[in-house]
Amino acid sequence: MRNYCDVLVKPMISEKTIGMIDENKYTFVVAMDANKIEIAHAVEEAFKVKVVDVTTKICKGKVKSMGRYSGKRPDIKKAVVTLREGDSIEMFSGL
């Protein structure tokens, strides 16, 4: 089993994800090779909460150009984690 620091890259903070906190859903950017079981164990270990459900999505990076040069943003994997009723993550409580 991998360490939770290897699975969870960073929390995703946006207007939409802040609204999902009321439904007890938290969004994280995770490692591309992480599966749902590893994500659930990583969140439980890192924040001492009980995970009920994990939904994942791979978002392809956009192609951006500046003048004649073009590049591509990296692909990311997002995970929406639903927690047990009554549990919360303190890091998001101030938002």
Protein backbone atom coordinates (compact mmCIF):
# COMPACT_ATOMS: atom_id res chain seq x y z
CA MET A 1 0.00 0.00 0.00
CA ARG A 2 1.33 3.41 -0.97
CA ASN A 3 1.69 6.38 1.34
CA TYR A 4 -1.16 8.91 1.15
CA CYS A 5 1.29 11.62 0.05
CA ASP A 6 1.96 9.62 -3.12
CA VAL A 7 -1.77 9.31 -3.95
CA LEU A 8 -3.21 12.74 -3.05
CA VAL A 9 -1.53 15.51 -5.07
CA LYS A 10 -3.53 18.55 -3.90
CA PRO A 11 -7.06 19.61 -3.03
CA MET A 12 -9.05 21.18 -5.85
CA ILE A 13 -10.53 24.54 -4.85
CA SER A 14 -13.05 26.12 -7.21
CA GLU A 15 -16.49 27.65 -6.98
CA LYS A 16 -18.13 24.36 -7.93
CA THR A 17 -16.15 22.23 -5.46
CA ILE A 18 -16.84 24.66 -2.61
CA GLY A 19 -20.56 24.22 -3.29
CA MET A 20 -20.19 20.44 -3.12
CA ILE A 21 -18.87 20.62 0.45
CA ASP A 22 -22.45 21.14 1.65
CA GLU A 23 -23.24 17.67 0.22
CA ASN A 24 -20.21 16.27 2.12
CA LYS A 25 -18.22 15.82 -1.12
CA TYR A 26 -14.57 16.88 -1.39
CA THR A 27 -12.49 17.06 -4.58
CA PHE A 28 -8.79 16.21 -4.92
CA VAL A 29 -6.25 15.99 -7.71
CA VAL A 30 -4.76 12.51 -7.42
CA ALA A 31 -1.98 10.49 -9.05
CA MET A 32 -2.85 9.21 -12.53
CA ASP A 33 -2.20 5.58 -11.58
CA ALA A 34 -4.18 5.67 -8.31
CA ASN A 35 -7.33 3.57 -8.13
CA LYS A 36 -10.48 4.22 -6.08
CA ILE A 37 -9.47 1.91 -3.23
CA GLU A 38 -6.09 3.62 -2.83
CA ILE A 39 -7.77 7.05 -2.92
CA ALA A 40 -10.26 6.06 -0.22
CA HIS A 41 -7.51 4.67 2.04
CA ALA A 42 -5.36 7.77 1.48
CA VAL A 43 -8.17 10.18 2.46
CA GLU A 44 -9.06 8.08 5.51
CA GLU A 45 -5.43 7.95 6.63
CA ALA A 46 -4.68 11.62 5.99
CA PHE A 47 -7.80 13.20 7.50
CA LYS A 48 -9.09 10.51 9.93
CA VAL A 49 -12.56 10.33 8.31
CA LYS A 50 -14.71 7.52 6.85
CA VAL A 51 -15.10 7.48 3.04
CA VAL A 52 -18.41 6.27 1.62
CA ASP A 53 -17.87 6.72 -2.13
CA VAL A 54 -15.14 7.73 -4.60
CA THR A 55 -15.76 8.96 -8.16
CA THR A 56 -12.84 9.58 -10.51
CA LYS A 57 -12.43 11.44 -13.78
CA ILE A 58 -9.44 11.94 -16.08
CA CYS A 59 -9.32 15.46 -17.53
CA LYS A 60 -7.25 15.89 -20.67
CA GLY A 61 -4.94 18.91 -20.80
CA LYS A 62 -5.67 21.75 -23.20
CA VAL A 63 -3.40 22.66 -26.10
CA LYS A 64 -2.22 26.25 -25.67
CA SER A 65 -0.29 28.39 -28.09
CA MET A 66 1.63 31.62 -27.78
CA GLY A 67 2.60 32.99 -31.15
CA ARG A 68 4.11 30.24 -33.22
CA TYR A 69 4.90 28.05 -30.22
CA SER A 70 2.38 25.60 -28.87
CA GLY A 71 2.36 23.35 -25.87
CA LYS A 72 0.03 21.16 -23.88
CA ARG A 73 -1.09 21.38 -20.28
CA PRO A 74 -0.70 18.13 -18.35
CA ASP A 75 -3.53 15.63 -17.97
CA ILE A 76 -4.91 15.35 -14.42
CA LYS A 77 -7.06 12.88 -12.55
CA LYS A 78 -9.77 14.26 -10.27
CA ALA A 79 -11.40 12.33 -7.44
CA VAL A 80 -14.66 13.35 -5.77
CA VAL A 81 -14.76 11.76 -2.31
CA THR A 82 -18.05 11.44 -0.40
CA LEU A 83 -17.66 11.25 3.37
CA ARG A 84 -19.89 9.66 6.01
CA GLU A 85 -22.60 11.89 7.46
CA GLY A 86 -21.12 13.96 10.28
CA ASP A 87 -17.50 13.76 9.08
CA SER A 88 -15.74 16.77 7.58
CA ILE A 89 -12.26 17.82 6.56
CA GLU A 90 -11.01 20.79 8.58
CA MET A 91 -8.83 22.13 5.76
CA PHE A 92 -11.96 23.04 3.78
CA SER A 93 -14.02 24.36 6.72
CA GLY A 94 -12.66 27.93 6.47
CA LEU A 95 -13.83 28.38 2.87
